[in-house]
Amino acid sequence: MRHINIYYIYFLLSQVIWGILPAFWILLRDLSPFYTLASRIFWAAIFCFLLILKQHLLPHLLDLRNQRAQWPYIAGACILVTLNWGAFIYATTRGYILQASLAYFINPIVVIFFGGLIFRERISRLQKLSITLAAAGLLIAFALYGQVPYLSFIICLTWASYSILKKKIVMDSQVSVFIESFSMVPLALAFMLFSEYEGVGAIGVFHGLQWLLLPATGVVTAIPMMLFTAGVKSVPVTVSGILMYCSPSLTLVIGLLTGETITQPMLITFIFAWIAVALYITGLYRTMREIKSHTGLVEVRKRQ
């Protein structure tokens, strides 16, 4: 039991760190979001590689050559996480933190849907209703106001798809995160050098201790990613769905504290999302009670 619980702790910690991460990205808003993304990729790869060397995981990395069946999953994860990072950085540095929060309120519902569709996990009627309501909130907001929180949509779909894909990757979590970052390093480094050459990079913008923010992007990226990757493979999709609500709740608070306001279209979407969350939690609670009741009945019969 203790061995299982540690994965729950890993997963929960990743959600808490991601929830407060917008406060860090705000410190980098003077830079282009693409430059920040490139820095994040570059420094995350370096930080992950140092951890791999420290923990003597290099043989696991070299063994990737013999795991060709994993290559398509790793490539897909690399593309999805890069798109997700870029959209999230843009949202948090350009005044759309609430859209980022909304994305991760809807995300668990989408993960649940994917879990039932791909892994054939049981979805109760209330959970199906929660999925329908979350989608209805987006459609109603669009129908009434002609507006859709596109950043929320992009962040949500990329991360939900990434979460499901990670369950297919069996290699060590640190090695997996390193490969996902390192594969994009050539493009990231080229973009950073080009930006500096054109005079639109960090030179001339950052001074003194501000330069420490760039390598810090690797630390704040790699640590929650490794915690998430270590936990997601051992935590059931339906359980991870509920734990994911820690992150958007913290992000919502940060968005409101930074002066963002909830527009009418977003308020409608949020209301439907919150109702969907309540229904999902109710459905999950009922399912857990049924399992507990069934387990107790089986134990009683065994004793008889």
C-alpha atoms as a PDB file:
ATOM      1  CA  MET A   1       0.000   0.000   0.000  1.00  0.00           C
ATOM      2  CA  ARG A   2       2.830   2.410   0.882  1.00  0.00           C
ATOM      3  CA  HIS A   3       4.422   1.764  -2.535  1.00  0.00           C
ATOM      4  CA  ILE A   4       1.141   2.651  -4.263  1.00  0.00           C
ATOM      5  CA  ASN A   5       0.566   5.787  -2.180  1.00  0.00           C
ATOM      6  CA  ILE A   6       3.907   7.312  -3.170  1.00  0.00           C
ATOM      7  CA  TYR A   7       2.679   7.554  -6.760  1.00  0.00           C
ATOM      8  CA  TYR A   8      -0.378   9.458  -5.595  1.00  0.00           C
ATOM      9  CA  ILE A   9       1.942  11.880  -3.765  1.00  0.00           C
ATOM     10  CA  TYR A  10       4.076  12.308  -6.900  1.00  0.00           C
ATOM     11  CA  PHE A  11       0.990  13.080  -8.960  1.00  0.00           C
ATOM     12  CA  LEU A  12      -0.484  15.512  -6.409  1.00  0.00           C
ATOM     13  CA  LEU A  13       2.788  17.421  -6.041  1.00  0.00           C
ATOM     14  CA  SER A  14       2.987  17.855  -9.808  1.00  0.00           C
ATOM     15  CA  GLN A  15      -0.480  19.416  -9.811  1.00  0.00           C
ATOM     16  CA  VAL A  16       0.352  21.847  -6.986  1.00  0.00           C
ATOM     17  CA  ILE A  17       3.549  23.020  -8.693  1.00  0.00           C
ATOM     18  CA  TRP A  18       1.756  23.473 -12.018  1.00  0.00           C
ATOM     19  CA  GLY A  19      -1.004  25.380 -10.273  1.00  0.00           C
ATOM     20  CA  ILE A  20       1.336  28.075  -8.962  1.00  0.00           C
ATOM     21  CA  LEU A  21       3.599  28.075 -12.037  1.00  0.00           C
ATOM     22  CA  PRO A  22       1.832  31.057 -13.728  1.00  0.00           C
ATOM     23  CA  ALA A  23       3.323  33.265 -10.984  1.00  0.00           C
ATOM     24  CA  PHE A  24       6.768  32.269 -12.268  1.00  0.00           C
ATOM     25  CA  TRP A  25       5.998  32.776 -15.963  1.00  0.00           C
ATOM     26  CA  ILE A  26       4.727  36.298 -15.228  1.00  0.00           C
ATOM     27  CA  LEU A  27       8.320  37.182 -14.313  1.00  0.00           C
ATOM     28  CA  LEU A  28       9.268  36.424 -17.939  1.00  0.00           C
ATOM     29  CA  ARG A  29       6.522  38.435 -19.644  1.00  0.00           C
ATOM     30  CA  ASP A  30       9.027  40.996 -20.992  1.00  0.00           C
ATOM     31  CA  LEU A  31      10.334  38.280 -23.310  1.00  0.00           C
ATOM     32  CA  SER A  32       8.634  36.845 -26.364  1.00  0.00           C
ATOM     33  CA  PRO A  33       6.565  33.761 -25.431  1.00  0.00           C
ATOM     34  CA  PHE A  34       8.408  31.833 -28.141  1.00  0.00           C
ATOM     35  CA  TYR A  35      11.778  32.818 -26.663  1.00  0.00           C
ATOM     36  CA  THR A  36      10.567  31.730 -23.226  1.00  0.00           C
ATOM     37  CA  LEU A  37       9.389  28.423 -24.703  1.00  0.00           C
ATOM     38  CA  ALA A  38      12.762  27.888 -26.390  1.00  0.00           C
ATOM     39  CA  SER A  39      14.566  28.627 -23.112  1.00  0.00           C
ATOM     40  CA  ARG A  40      12.282  26.239 -21.280  1.00  0.00           C
ATOM     41  CA  ILE A  41      13.049  23.424 -23.731  1.00  0.00           C
ATOM     42  CA  PHE A  42      16.807  24.062 -23.665  1.00  0.00           C
ATOM     43  CA  TRP A  43      17.234  24.301 -19.908  1.00  0.00           C
ATOM     44  CA  ALA A  44      14.791  21.480 -19.160  1.00  0.00           C
ATOM     45  CA  ALA A  45      16.893  19.167 -21.338  1.00  0.00           C
ATOM     46  CA  ILE A  46      20.092  20.170 -19.528  1.00  0.00           C
ATOM     47  CA  PHE A  47      18.542  19.756 -16.078  1.00  0.00           C
ATOM     48  CA  CYS A  48      17.070  16.365 -16.956  1.00  0.00           C
ATOM     49  CA  PHE A  49      20.376  15.131 -18.383  1.00  0.00           C
ATOM     50  CA  LEU A  50      22.237  16.098 -15.205  1.00  0.00           C
ATOM     51  CA  LEU A  51      19.700  14.142 -13.169  1.00  0.00           C
ATOM     52  CA  ILE A  52      20.117  11.146 -15.474  1.00  0.00           C
ATOM     53  CA  LEU A  53      23.896  11.213 -14.961  1.00  0.00           C
ATOM     54  CA  LYS A  54      23.529  11.659 -11.200  1.00  0.00           C
ATOM     55  CA  GLN A  55      21.175   8.696 -10.876  1.00  0.00           C
ATOM     56  CA  HIS A  56      23.179   6.510 -13.294  1.00  0.00           C
ATOM     57  CA  LEU A  57      20.299   6.197 -15.745  1.00  0.00           C
ATOM     58  CA  LEU A  58      22.419   6.586 -18.880  1.00  0.00           C
ATOM     59  CA  PRO A  59      22.063   2.852 -19.759  1.00  0.00           C
ATOM     60  CA  HIS A  60      18.264   3.369 -19.791  1.00  0.00           C
ATOM     61  CA  LEU A  61      18.735   6.228 -22.235  1.00  0.00           C
ATOM     62  CA  LEU A  62      21.017   4.192 -24.505  1.00  0.00           C
ATOM     63  CA  ASP A  63      18.560   1.292 -24.375  1.00  0.00           C
ATOM     64  CA  LEU A  64      16.084   3.440 -26.307  1.00  0.00           C
ATOM     65  CA  ARG A  65      17.719   2.158 -29.507  1.00  0.00           C
ATOM     66  CA  ASN A  66      16.265  -1.280 -28.751  1.00  0.00           C
ATOM     67  CA  GLN A  67      12.774   0.017 -27.969  1.00  0.00           C
ATOM     68  CA  ARG A  68      11.604   1.066 -31.402  1.00  0.00           C
ATOM     69  CA  ALA A  69       8.009   0.284 -30.517  1.00  0.00           C
ATOM     70  CA  GLN A  70       8.184   3.224 -28.090  1.00  0.00           C
ATOM     71  CA  TRP A  71       9.418   5.743 -30.674  1.00  0.00           C
ATOM     72  CA  PRO A  72       6.002   6.745 -32.079  1.00  0.00           C
ATOM     73  CA  TYR A  73       4.637   7.343 -28.564  1.00  0.00           C
ATOM     74  CA  ILE A  74       7.687   9.397 -27.599  1.00  0.00           C
ATOM     75  CA  ALA A  75       7.481  11.457 -30.803  1.00  0.00           C
ATOM     76  CA  GLY A  76       3.798  12.127 -30.222  1.00  0.00           C
ATOM     77  CA  ALA A  77       4.442  13.086 -26.591  1.00  0.00           C
ATOM     78  CA  CYS A  78       7.213  15.462 -27.681  1.00  0.00           C
ATOM     79  CA  ILE A  79       4.957  17.305 -30.142  1.00  0.00           C
ATOM     80  CA  LEU A  80       2.005  17.489 -27.753  1.00  0.00           C
ATOM     81  CA  VAL A  81       3.989  18.734 -24.760  1.00  0.00           C
ATOM     82  CA  THR A  82       5.750  21.397 -26.860  1.00  0.00           C
ATOM     83  CA  LEU A  83       2.413  22.722 -28.123  1.00  0.00           C
ATOM     84  CA  ASN A  84       1.039  22.644 -24.595  1.00  0.00           C
ATOM     85  CA  TRP A  85       4.024  24.484 -23.131  1.00  0.00           C
ATOM     86  CA  GLY A  86       3.843  27.152 -25.835  1.00  0.00           C
ATOM     87  CA  ALA A  87       0.118  27.781 -25.426  1.00  0.00           C
ATOM     88  CA  PHE A  88       0.388  27.881 -21.635  1.00  0.00           C
ATOM     89  CA  ILE A  89       3.323  30.307 -21.649  1.00  0.00           C
ATOM     90  CA  TYR A  90       1.499  32.568 -24.096  1.00  0.00           C
ATOM     91  CA  ALA A  91      -1.644  32.509 -21.933  1.00  0.00           C
ATOM     92  CA  THR A  92       0.125  33.250 -18.663  1.00  0.00           C
ATOM     93  CA  THR A  93       2.414  35.986 -19.989  1.00  0.00           C
ATOM     94  CA  ARG A  94      -0.178  37.777 -22.110  1.00  0.00           C
ATOM     95  CA  GLY A  95      -3.007  38.151 -19.609  1.00  0.00           C
ATOM     96  CA  TYR A  96      -5.004  34.972 -20.249  1.00  0.00           C
ATOM     97  CA  ILE A  97      -4.327  33.107 -16.996  1.00  0.00           C
ATOM     98  CA  LEU A  98      -8.050  32.457 -16.518  1.00  0.00           C
ATOM     99  CA  GLN A  99      -8.169  30.696 -19.874  1.00  0.00           C
ATOM    100  CA  ALA A 100      -5.284  28.504 -18.725  1.00  0.00           C
ATOM    101  CA  SER A 101      -7.211  27.768 -15.534  1.00  0.00           C
ATOM    102  CA  LEU A 102     -10.365  26.923 -17.478  1.00  0.00           C
ATOM    103  CA  ALA A 103      -8.370  24.556 -19.685  1.00  0.00           C
ATOM    104  CA  TYR A 104      -7.341  22.464 -16.718  1.00  0.00           C
ATOM    105  CA  PHE A 105     -10.824  22.512 -15.198  1.00  0.00           C
ATOM    106  CA  ILE A 106     -12.117  20.923 -18.401  1.00  0.00           C
ATOM    107  CA  ASN A 107      -9.044  18.731 -18.899  1.00  0.00           C
ATOM    108  CA  PRO A 108      -9.910  16.017 -16.318  1.00  0.00           C
ATOM    109  CA  ILE A 109     -13.320  15.583 -17.954  1.00  0.00           C
ATOM    110  CA  VAL A 110     -11.604  15.069 -21.307  1.00  0.00           C
ATOM    111  CA  VAL A 111      -9.103  12.660 -19.725  1.00  0.00           C
ATOM    112  CA  ILE A 112     -12.001  10.667 -18.271  1.00  0.00           C
ATOM    113  CA  PHE A 113     -13.597  10.534 -21.717  1.00  0.00           C
ATOM    114  CA  PHE A 114     -10.325   9.345 -23.262  1.00  0.00           C
ATOM    115  CA  GLY A 115      -9.917   6.807 -20.443  1.00  0.00           C
ATOM    116  CA  GLY A 116     -13.288   5.280 -21.250  1.00  0.00           C
ATOM    117  CA  LEU A 117     -12.756   5.466 -25.009  1.00  0.00           C
ATOM    118  CA  ILE A 118      -9.198   4.127 -25.187  1.00  0.00           C
ATOM    119  CA  PHE A 119      -8.675   2.080 -22.013  1.00  0.00           C
ATOM    120  CA  ARG A 120     -12.300   0.951 -21.699  1.00  0.00           C
ATOM    121  CA  GLU A 121     -12.510   2.243 -18.139  1.00  0.00           C
ATOM    122  CA  ARG A 122     -16.022   2.270 -16.750  1.00  0.00           C
ATOM    123  CA  ILE A 123     -17.778   5.645 -16.957  1.00  0.00           C
ATOM    124  CA  SER A 124     -20.923   6.113 -14.892  1.00  0.00           C
ATOM    125  CA  ARG A 125     -24.003   7.996 -16.076  1.00  0.00           C
ATOM    126  CA  LEU A 126     -23.141  11.004 -13.929  1.00  0.00           C
ATOM    127  CA  GLN A 127     -19.646  11.094 -15.379  1.00  0.00           C
ATOM    128  CA  LYS A 128     -21.058  10.916 -18.908  1.00  0.00           C
ATOM    129  CA  LEU A 129     -23.369  13.797 -18.009  1.00  0.00           C
ATOM    130  CA  SER A 130     -20.412  15.790 -16.697  1.00  0.00           C
ATOM    131  CA  ILE A 131     -18.603  15.327 -20.018  1.00  0.00           C
ATOM    132  CA  THR A 132     -21.713  16.509 -21.886  1.00  0.00           C
ATOM    133  CA  LEU A 133     -22.107  19.587 -19.665  1.00  0.00           C
ATOM    134  CA  ALA A 134     -18.459  20.606 -20.020  1.00  0.00           C
ATOM    135  CA  ALA A 135     -18.837  20.501 -23.808  1.00  0.00           C
ATOM    136  CA  ALA A 136     -22.211  22.289 -23.626  1.00  0.00           C
ATOM    137  CA  GLY A 137     -20.646  25.202 -21.765  1.00  0.00           C
ATOM    138  CA  LEU A 138     -18.243  25.834 -24.631  1.00  0.00           C
ATOM    139  CA  LEU A 139     -20.988  25.517 -27.264  1.00  0.00           C
ATOM    140  CA  ILE A 140     -23.419  27.834 -25.455  1.00  0.00           C
ATOM    141  CA  ALA A 141     -20.747  30.504 -24.954  1.00  0.00           C
ATOM    142  CA  PHE A 142     -19.969  30.354 -28.661  1.00  0.00           C
ATOM    143  CA  ALA A 143     -23.652  30.418 -29.698  1.00  0.00           C
ATOM    144  CA  LEU A 144     -24.509  33.427 -27.500  1.00  0.00           C
ATOM    145  CA  TYR A 145     -21.376  35.533 -27.906  1.00  0.00           C
ATOM    146  CA  GLY A 146     -19.525  34.068 -30.868  1.00  0.00           C
ATOM    147  CA  GLN A 147     -16.506  33.639 -28.613  1.00  0.00           C
ATOM    148  CA  VAL A 148     -14.600  30.520 -27.705  1.00  0.00           C
ATOM    149  CA  PRO A 149     -11.622  30.427 -25.310  1.00  0.00           C
ATOM    150  CA  TYR A 150      -9.328  29.020 -27.980  1.00  0.00           C
ATOM    151  CA  LEU A 151      -6.300  28.938 -25.715  1.00  0.00           C
ATOM    152  CA  SER A 152      -8.267  26.853 -23.224  1.00  0.00           C
ATOM    153  CA  PHE A 153      -9.236  24.484 -26.011  1.00  0.00           C
ATOM    154  CA  ILE A 154      -5.640  24.074 -27.239  1.00  0.00           C
ATOM    155  CA  ILE A 155      -4.130  23.686 -23.763  1.00  0.00           C
ATOM    156  CA  CYS A 156      -6.801  21.190 -22.732  1.00  0.00           C
ATOM    157  CA  LEU A 157      -6.645  18.908 -25.774  1.00  0.00           C
ATOM    158  CA  THR A 158      -2.849  18.836 -25.983  1.00  0.00           C
ATOM    159  CA  TRP A 159      -2.432  17.980 -22.309  1.00  0.00           C
ATOM    160  CA  ALA A 160      -5.244  15.410 -22.190  1.00  0.00           C
ATOM    161  CA  SER A 161      -3.777  13.667 -25.246  1.00  0.00           C
ATOM    162  CA  TYR A 162      -0.288  13.837 -23.722  1.00  0.00           C
ATOM    163  CA  SER A 163      -1.542  12.349 -20.430  1.00  0.00           C
ATOM    164  CA  ILE A 164      -3.082   9.378 -22.201  1.00  0.00           C
ATOM    165  CA  LEU A 165      -0.043   8.863 -24.420  1.00  0.00           C
ATOM    166  CA  LYS A 166       2.291   8.816 -21.400  1.00  0.00           C
ATOM    167  CA  LYS A 167       0.562   5.684 -20.120  1.00  0.00           C
ATOM    168  CA  LYS A 168       1.925   3.913 -23.206  1.00  0.00           C
ATOM    169  CA  ILE A 169       5.537   4.880 -22.467  1.00  0.00           C
ATOM    170  CA  VAL A 170       7.181   2.311 -20.209  1.00  0.00           C
ATOM    171  CA  MET A 171      10.680   3.780 -19.833  1.00  0.00           C
ATOM    172  CA  ASP A 172      11.980   5.616 -16.756  1.00  0.00           C
ATOM    173  CA  SER A 173      10.149   8.911 -16.165  1.00  0.00           C
ATOM    174  CA  GLN A 174      13.312  11.039 -16.071  1.00  0.00           C
ATOM    175  CA  VAL A 175      14.631   9.512 -19.283  1.00  0.00           C
ATOM    176  CA  SER A 176      11.277  10.064 -20.963  1.00  0.00           C
ATOM    177  CA  VAL A 177      11.115  13.745 -19.980  1.00  0.00           C
ATOM    178  CA  PHE A 178      14.704  14.287 -21.134  1.00  0.00           C
ATOM    179  CA  ILE A 179      14.021  12.805 -24.565  1.00  0.00           C
ATOM    180  CA  GLU A 180      10.885  14.903 -24.980  1.00  0.00           C
ATOM    181  CA  SER A 181      12.873  18.060 -24.225  1.00  0.00           C
ATOM    182  CA  PHE A 182      16.132  17.174 -25.964  1.00  0.00           C
ATOM    183  CA  SER A 183      14.479  16.284 -29.263  1.00  0.00           C
ATOM    184  CA  MET A 184      13.406  19.933 -29.625  1.00  0.00           C
ATOM    185  CA  VAL A 185      16.686  21.486 -28.421  1.00  0.00           C
ATOM    186  CA  PRO A 186      18.199  22.100 -31.913  1.00  0.00           C
ATOM    187  CA  LEU A 187      15.171  24.163 -32.962  1.00  0.00           C
ATOM    188  CA  ALA A 188      14.985  25.910 -29.583  1.00  0.00           C
ATOM    189  CA  LEU A 189      18.668  26.826 -29.594  1.00  0.00           C
ATOM    190  CA  ALA A 190      18.509  28.056 -33.199  1.00  0.00           C
ATOM    191  CA  PHE A 191      15.528  30.275 -32.358  1.00  0.00           C
ATOM    192  CA  MET A 192      17.259  31.720 -29.286  1.00  0.00           C
ATOM    193  CA  LEU A 193      20.405  32.561 -31.258  1.00  0.00           C
ATOM    194  CA  PHE A 194      18.354  34.098 -34.072  1.00  0.00           C
ATOM    195  CA  SER A 195      16.374  36.187 -31.569  1.00  0.00           C
ATOM    196  CA  GLU A 196      19.555  37.503 -29.967  1.00  0.00           C
ATOM    197  CA  TYR A 197      20.997  38.301 -33.394  1.00  0.00           C
ATOM    198  CA  GLU A 198      17.853  40.260 -34.270  1.00  0.00           C
ATOM    199  CA  GLY A 199      17.950  42.065 -30.926  1.00  0.00           C
ATOM    200  CA  VAL A 200      14.669  40.611 -29.628  1.00  0.00           C
ATOM    201  CA  GLY A 201      16.079  38.081 -27.147  1.00  0.00           C
ATOM    202  CA  ALA A 202      16.995  38.329 -23.474  1.00  0.00           C
ATOM    203  CA  ILE A 203      20.068  40.514 -24.011  1.00  0.00           C
ATOM    204  CA  GLY A 204      19.078  44.090 -23.301  1.00  0.00           C
ATOM    205  CA  VAL A 205      15.962  42.985 -21.428  1.00  0.00           C
ATOM    206  CA  PHE A 206      17.367  41.022 -18.495  1.00  0.00           C
ATOM    207  CA  HIS A 207      19.902  42.396 -16.040  1.00  0.00           C
ATOM    208  CA  GLY A 208      21.721  40.975 -13.036  1.00  0.00           C
ATOM    209  CA  LEU A 209      19.871  38.252 -11.167  1.00  0.00           C
ATOM    210  CA  GLN A 210      17.114  38.207 -13.801  1.00  0.00           C
ATOM    211  CA  TRP A 211      19.360  35.968 -15.899  1.00  0.00           C
ATOM    212  CA  LEU A 212      18.819  33.212 -13.334  1.00  0.00           C
ATOM    213  CA  LEU A 213      15.197  33.044 -14.472  1.00  0.00           C
ATOM    214  CA  LEU A 214      16.251  31.362 -17.728  1.00  0.00           C
ATOM    215  CA  PRO A 215      17.925  28.266 -16.226  1.00  0.00           C
ATOM    216  CA  ALA A 216      15.126  28.219 -13.642  1.00  0.00           C
ATOM    217  CA  THR A 217      12.687  27.491 -16.487  1.00  0.00           C
ATOM    218  CA  GLY A 218      14.343  24.087 -16.786  1.00  0.00           C
ATOM    219  CA  VAL A 219      14.007  23.366 -13.075  1.00  0.00           C
ATOM    220  CA  VAL A 220      10.327  24.344 -12.797  1.00  0.00           C
ATOM    221  CA  THR A 221       9.608  22.359 -15.955  1.00  0.00           C
ATOM    222  CA  ALA A 222      11.504  19.162 -15.242  1.00  0.00           C
ATOM    223  CA  ILE A 223      10.547  18.627 -11.596  1.00  0.00           C
ATOM    224  CA  PRO A 224       6.720  18.587 -11.995  1.00  0.00           C
ATOM    225  CA  MET A 225       7.041  16.742 -15.307  1.00  0.00           C
ATOM    226  CA  MET A 226       9.027  13.960 -13.650  1.00  0.00           C
ATOM    227  CA  LEU A 227       6.624  13.823 -10.722  1.00  0.00           C
ATOM    228  CA  PHE A 228       3.688  13.654 -13.129  1.00  0.00           C
ATOM    229  CA  THR A 229       5.299  11.013 -15.337  1.00  0.00           C
ATOM    230  CA  ALA A 230       6.215   8.884 -12.319  1.00  0.00           C
ATOM    231  CA  GLY A 231       2.694   9.092 -10.940  1.00  0.00           C
ATOM    232  CA  VAL A 232       0.437   8.970 -13.990  1.00  0.00           C
ATOM    233  CA  LYS A 233       1.432   5.438 -14.999  1.00  0.00           C
ATOM    234  CA  SER A 234       0.393   4.013 -11.630  1.00  0.00           C
ATOM    235  CA  VAL A 235      -2.606   6.191 -10.781  1.00  0.00           C
ATOM    236  CA  PRO A 236      -5.909   5.140 -12.437  1.00  0.00           C
ATOM    237  CA  VAL A 237      -7.199   7.606 -15.041  1.00  0.00           C
ATOM    238  CA  THR A 238     -10.413   8.156 -13.086  1.00  0.00           C
ATOM    239  CA  VAL A 239      -8.468   8.997  -9.899  1.00  0.00           C
ATOM    240  CA  SER A 240      -5.925  11.199 -11.654  1.00  0.00           C
ATOM    241  CA  GLY A 241      -8.887  13.091 -13.109  1.00  0.00           C
ATOM    242  CA  ILE A 242     -10.020  14.259  -9.687  1.00  0.00           C
ATOM    243  CA  LEU A 243      -6.507  15.124  -8.476  1.00  0.00           C
ATOM    244  CA  MET A 244      -6.011  17.348 -11.515  1.00  0.00           C
ATOM    245  CA  TYR A 245      -8.412  19.928 -10.062  1.00  0.00           C
ATOM    246  CA  CYS A 246      -5.750  21.154  -7.624  1.00  0.00           C
ATOM    247  CA  SER A 247      -3.824  22.826 -10.445  1.00  0.00           C
ATOM    248  CA  PRO A 248      -6.593  24.924 -12.087  1.00  0.00           C
ATOM    249  CA  SER A 249      -7.938  26.004  -8.695  1.00  0.00           C
ATOM    250  CA  LEU A 250      -4.585  27.532  -7.759  1.00  0.00           C
ATOM    251  CA  THR A 251      -4.188  29.035 -11.233  1.00  0.00           C
ATOM    252  CA  LEU A 252      -7.654  30.613 -11.017  1.00  0.00           C
ATOM    253  CA  VAL A 253      -6.701  32.358  -7.782  1.00  0.00           C
ATOM    254  CA  ILE A 254      -3.477  33.679  -9.332  1.00  0.00           C
ATOM    255  CA  GLY A 255      -5.396  34.953 -12.372  1.00  0.00           C
ATOM    256  CA  LEU A 256      -7.860  36.870 -10.207  1.00  0.00           C
ATOM    257  CA  LEU A 257      -5.078  38.264  -7.999  1.00  0.00           C
ATOM    258  CA  THR A 258      -3.261  39.608 -11.068  1.00  0.00           C
ATOM    259  CA  GLY A 259      -6.318  41.652 -12.044  1.00  0.00           C
ATOM    260  CA  GLU A 260      -7.982  39.505 -14.698  1.00  0.00           C
ATOM    261  CA  THR A 261     -11.777  39.546 -14.847  1.00  0.00           C
ATOM    262  CA  ILE A 262     -14.151  36.784 -15.885  1.00  0.00           C
ATOM    263  CA  THR A 263     -16.066  37.785 -19.026  1.00  0.00           C
ATOM    264  CA  GLN A 264     -19.647  36.606 -19.611  1.00  0.00           C
ATOM    265  CA  PRO A 265     -18.696  33.902 -22.157  1.00  0.00           C
ATOM    266  CA  MET A 266     -15.994  32.589 -19.834  1.00  0.00           C
ATOM    267  CA  LEU A 267     -18.331  32.769 -16.822  1.00  0.00           C
ATOM    268  CA  ILE A 268     -20.846  30.563 -18.641  1.00  0.00           C
ATOM    269  CA  THR A 269     -18.123  28.086 -19.528  1.00  0.00           C
ATOM    270  CA  PHE A 270     -16.794  28.104 -15.962  1.00  0.00           C
ATOM    271  CA  ILE A 271     -20.270  27.532 -14.484  1.00  0.00           C
ATOM    272  CA  PHE A 272     -20.892  24.539 -16.742  1.00  0.00           C
ATOM    273  CA  ALA A 273     -17.393  23.232 -15.961  1.00  0.00           C
ATOM    274  CA  TRP A 274     -17.969  23.530 -12.203  1.00  0.00           C
ATOM    275  CA  ILE A 275     -21.326  21.734 -12.450  1.00  0.00           C
ATOM    276  CA  ALA A 276     -19.604  19.044 -14.512  1.00  0.00           C
ATOM    277  CA  VAL A 277     -16.924  18.723 -11.835  1.00  0.00           C
ATOM    278  CA  ALA A 278     -19.556  18.369  -9.097  1.00  0.00           C
ATOM    279  CA  LEU A 279     -21.361  15.653 -11.055  1.00  0.00           C
ATOM    280  CA  TYR A 280     -18.140  13.821 -11.754  1.00  0.00           C
ATOM    281  CA  ILE A 281     -17.100  13.877  -8.085  1.00  0.00           C
ATOM    282  CA  THR A 282     -20.561  12.612  -7.096  1.00  0.00           C
ATOM    283  CA  GLY A 283     -20.314   9.793  -9.630  1.00  0.00           C
ATOM    284  CA  LEU A 284     -16.816   8.880  -8.479  1.00  0.00           C
ATOM    285  CA  TYR A 285     -17.925   8.871  -4.827  1.00  0.00           C
ATOM    286  CA  ARG A 286     -20.828   6.540  -5.622  1.00  0.00           C
ATOM    287  CA  THR A 287     -18.542   4.221  -7.569  1.00  0.00           C
ATOM    288  CA  MET A 288     -16.060   4.076  -4.689  1.00  0.00           C
ATOM    289  CA  ARG A 289     -18.878   3.290  -2.237  1.00  0.00           C
ATOM    290  CA  GLU A 290     -20.140   0.485  -4.473  1.00  0.00           C
ATOM    291  CA  ILE A 291     -16.650  -1.000  -4.730  1.00  0.00           C
ATOM    292  CA  LYS A 292     -16.160  -0.748  -0.970  1.00  0.00           C
ATOM    293  CA  SER A 293     -19.550  -2.318  -0.323  1.00  0.00           C
ATOM    294  CA  HIS A 294     -18.877  -5.135  -2.788  1.00  0.00           C
ATOM    295  CA  THR A 295     -15.428  -5.775  -1.275  1.00  0.00           C
ATOM    296  CA  GLY A 296     -16.916  -5.943   2.218  1.00  0.00           C
ATOM    297  CA  LEU A 297     -19.592  -8.380   1.053  1.00  0.00           C
ATOM    298  CA  VAL A 298     -16.972 -10.643  -0.527  1.00  0.00           C
ATOM    299  CA  GLU A 299     -14.915 -10.665   2.685  1.00  0.00           C
ATOM    300  CA  VAL A 300     -17.997 -11.585   4.750  1.00  0.00           C
ATOM    301  CA  ARG A 301     -18.762 -14.505   2.411  1.00  0.00           C
ATOM    302  CA  LYS A 302     -15.194 -15.719   2.645  1.00  0.00           C
ATOM    303  CA  ARG A 303     -15.364 -15.757   6.435  1.00  0.00           C
ATOM    304  CA  GLN A 304     -18.590 -17.753   6.266  1.00  0.00           C
END
